[in-house]
Protein backbone atom coordinates (compact mmCIF):
# COMPACT_ATOMS: atom_id res chain seq x y z
CA UNK A 1 113.39 74.04 114.60
CA UNK A 2 109.80 75.09 114.00
CA UNK A 3 108.00 77.50 116.27
CA UNK A 4 104.21 77.43 116.16
CA UNK A 5 102.08 80.22 117.52
CA UNK A 6 98.47 79.73 118.56
CA UNK A 7 95.84 82.35 119.10
CA UNK A 8 94.96 82.01 122.76
CA UNK A 9 92.28 84.71 123.15
CA UNK A 10 89.31 83.80 121.02
CA UNK A 11 86.91 85.85 123.13
CA UNK A 12 88.16 89.26 121.91
CA UNK A 13 85.13 90.65 120.09
CA UNK A 14 86.30 94.26 119.77
CA UNK A 15 86.68 96.14 116.52
CA UNK A 16 89.90 98.19 116.37
CA UNK A 17 89.61 98.74 120.13
CA UNK A 18 85.93 99.73 119.99
CA UNK A 19 82.94 97.67 121.10
CA UNK A 20 81.94 96.86 117.51
CA UNK A 21 82.07 98.04 113.92
CA UNK A 22 79.19 100.47 114.30
CA UNK A 23 80.74 102.29 117.30
CA UNK A 24 84.10 102.38 115.59
CA UNK A 25 82.69 103.72 112.32
CA UNK A 26 80.68 106.51 113.90
CA UNK A 27 83.63 107.47 116.12
CA UNK A 28 85.93 107.55 113.10
CA UNK A 29 83.61 109.92 111.24
CA UNK A 30 83.07 112.20 114.23
CA UNK A 31 86.79 112.55 114.82
CA UNK A 32 87.82 112.97 111.19
CA UNK A 33 85.13 115.14 109.57
CA UNK A 34 85.56 118.79 110.55
CA UNK A 35 81.85 119.63 110.54
CA UNK A 36 80.87 116.56 112.55
CA UNK A 37 83.80 117.11 114.91
CA UNK A 38 82.75 120.71 115.62
CA UNK A 39 79.13 119.69 116.20
CA UNK A 40 80.17 116.79 118.47
CA UNK A 41 82.42 119.13 120.45
CA UNK A 42 79.55 121.60 120.81
CA UNK A 43 76.96 118.96 121.86
CA UNK A 44 79.07 117.25 124.51
CA UNK A 45 77.06 114.02 124.71
CA UNK A 46 76.05 111.47 122.15
CA UNK A 47 72.29 111.68 122.55
CA UNK A 48 72.30 115.45 122.05
CA UNK A 49 74.54 115.00 119.01
CA UNK A 50 72.25 112.46 117.38
CA UNK A 51 69.19 114.67 118.01
CA UNK A 52 70.95 117.68 116.48
CA UNK A 53 72.09 115.66 113.47
CA UNK A 54 68.56 114.40 112.84
CA UNK A 55 66.55 117.54 113.66
CA UNK A 56 68.83 120.36 112.51
CA UNK A 57 70.71 118.78 109.62
CA UNK A 58 68.66 115.77 108.49
CA UNK A 59 71.78 113.59 108.73
CA UNK A 60 70.87 110.04 109.71
CA UNK A 61 73.97 107.98 108.95
CA UNK A 62 77.67 108.07 108.18
CA UNK A 63 78.80 108.03 104.56
CA UNK A 64 79.47 104.31 105.14
CA UNK A 65 75.78 103.73 105.88
CA UNK A 66 75.93 103.28 109.67
CA UNK A 67 72.95 104.97 111.31
CA UNK A 68 73.83 107.35 114.13
CA UNK A 69 70.98 105.88 116.19
CA UNK A 70 71.94 102.24 115.58
CA UNK A 71 71.19 100.32 118.79
CA UNK A 72 74.53 98.47 118.42
CA UNK A 73 76.47 101.72 119.04
CA UNK A 74 77.97 101.71 122.53
CA UNK A 75 76.73 104.99 123.99
CA UNK A 76 79.12 104.81 126.93
CA UNK A 77 82.14 104.61 124.62
CA UNK A 78 80.76 107.37 122.46
CA UNK A 79 80.24 109.68 125.45
CA UNK A 80 83.77 108.93 126.68
CA UNK A 81 85.15 109.78 123.25
CA UNK A 82 83.18 113.03 123.18
CA UNK A 83 84.49 113.99 126.62
CA UNK A 84 88.02 113.61 125.24
CA UNK A 85 87.44 116.01 122.32
């Protein structure tokens, strides 16, 4: 007897539970780098965090090359993640 499984949900466009790769990547760095984590915790919202990274530290992207101000980043998900820190 052969059992065949088919993928039924071809509309799932998430990346590891996040809106996309860019959102996932930035979230991963913010939650796993102590300095970024502390700054994110202090800032409280994503826009403030990005401004601080750019203006105070000259940091523009993750070590994987994803820009913190990439328009693909889901700001709502990022703010929810920051609220949970």
